[in-house]
Amino acid sequence: MNLYRLDITPNAKRQLKSVFPERKRAEIVEAILDLREEPMPSQSELQRELTGRFRLKIDGWRILYKIDKIDRVVTVLAIRPRNPSTYLNVP
């Protein structure tokens, strides 16, 4: 199976370090790694001004990413807690 390559932006790396408890951080890392095999789980594509961006829901957290299907790269853009500003200023 051809896996997608993962790229995590410096901003997303910083955000990941702020996730507590440690067990939740490990769950998020595992979900990100799973994107290599299945980058487009059902209902992951965002709409309107965020078209072309995707999200993965992990309890109260959102992993925001984009997919380059030609080069087979998933780029994690942000890891944010779910709140009214979660989807504001997504790179």
Protein backbone atom coordinates (compact mmCIF):
# COMPACT_ATOMS: atom_id res chain seq x y z
CA MET A 1 0.00 0.00 0.00
CA ASN A 2 1.30 3.46 -0.89
CA LEU A 3 1.32 5.59 2.22
CA TYR A 4 1.02 9.35 2.19
CA ARG A 5 3.99 11.28 3.56
CA LEU A 6 3.33 13.44 6.63
CA ASP A 7 4.45 17.03 7.03
CA ILE A 8 3.69 18.88 10.25
CA THR A 9 4.05 22.66 10.30
CA PRO A 10 6.13 24.23 13.09
CA ASN A 11 2.97 25.86 14.43
CA ALA A 12 1.17 22.49 14.62
CA LYS A 13 4.20 20.97 16.40
CA ARG A 14 4.04 23.72 19.03
CA GLN A 15 0.32 23.21 19.45
CA LEU A 16 0.78 19.46 19.86
CA LYS A 17 3.23 20.03 22.72
CA SER A 18 0.53 22.00 24.56
CA VAL A 19 -1.96 19.10 24.55
CA PHE A 20 -2.57 17.62 28.00
CA PRO A 21 -2.93 15.06 29.41
CA GLU A 22 -0.10 13.09 27.83
CA ARG A 23 -2.49 10.25 26.96
CA LYS A 24 -4.59 12.65 24.83
CA ARG A 25 -1.43 13.84 23.04
CA ALA A 26 -0.56 10.20 22.27
CA GLU A 27 -4.07 9.66 20.87
CA ILE A 28 -3.68 12.70 18.61
CA VAL A 29 -0.26 11.51 17.39
CA GLU A 30 -1.73 8.10 16.59
CA ALA A 31 -4.59 9.73 14.64
CA ILE A 32 -2.10 11.84 12.67
CA LEU A 33 -0.06 8.74 11.82
CA ASP A 34 -3.24 7.01 10.63
CA LEU A 35 -3.69 9.80 8.06
CA ARG A 36 -0.82 8.23 6.11
CA GLU A 37 -3.13 5.35 5.18
CA GLU A 38 -6.52 7.09 5.10
CA PRO A 39 -6.20 10.87 4.72
CA MET A 40 -9.88 11.42 3.92
CA PRO A 41 -12.06 9.75 6.55
CA SER A 42 -15.79 10.35 6.14
CA GLN A 43 -17.03 13.87 6.85
CA SER A 44 -13.52 15.27 7.15
CA GLU A 45 -13.65 17.82 4.31
CA LEU A 46 -14.34 21.40 5.38
CA GLN A 47 -16.65 23.76 3.49
CA ARG A 48 -16.94 27.40 2.41
CA GLU A 49 -13.77 29.44 2.91
CA LEU A 50 -11.96 26.33 4.16
CA THR A 51 -12.56 24.26 1.01
CA GLY A 52 -9.50 22.13 0.36
CA ARG A 53 -8.83 21.75 4.07
CA PHE A 54 -9.78 18.77 6.20
CA ARG A 55 -10.37 18.09 9.87
CA LEU A 56 -10.07 15.13 12.14
CA LYS A 57 -12.08 15.10 15.37
CA ILE A 58 -10.44 13.68 18.48
CA ASP A 59 -12.78 14.32 21.41
CA GLY A 60 -12.52 18.05 22.14
CA TRP A 61 -9.62 18.57 19.71
CA ARG A 62 -9.46 19.24 15.99
CA ILE A 63 -6.57 18.36 13.68
CA LEU A 64 -6.66 20.64 10.63
CA TYR A 65 -4.78 19.57 7.52
CA LYS A 66 -4.54 19.67 3.74
CA ILE A 67 -3.80 16.94 1.22
CA ASP A 68 -1.62 17.02 -1.87
CA LYS A 69 -2.97 14.05 -3.83
CA ILE A 70 -0.38 14.35 -6.61
CA ASP A 71 2.69 14.21 -4.36
CA ARG A 72 0.82 12.13 -1.73
CA VAL A 73 1.55 14.48 1.18
CA VAL A 74 -0.66 15.25 4.18
CA THR A 75 0.30 18.56 5.80
CA VAL A 76 -0.94 19.09 9.36
CA LEU A 77 -1.67 22.81 9.67
CA ALA A 78 -3.03 23.13 13.21
CA ILE A 79 -4.05 21.17 16.30
CA ARG A 80 -6.63 23.14 18.25
CA PRO A 81 -9.17 22.65 21.01
CA ARG A 82 -12.73 22.77 19.76
CA ASN A 83 -14.24 26.19 20.47
CA PRO A 84 -15.85 29.04 18.49
CA SER A 85 -12.45 30.14 17.12
CA THR A 86 -11.18 26.69 16.08
CA TYR A 87 -11.58 27.34 12.37
CA LEU A 88 -10.47 30.98 12.32
CA ASN A 89 -7.22 31.86 10.56
CA VAL A 90 -6.45 28.34 9.34
CA PRO A 91 -3.30 28.60 7.20
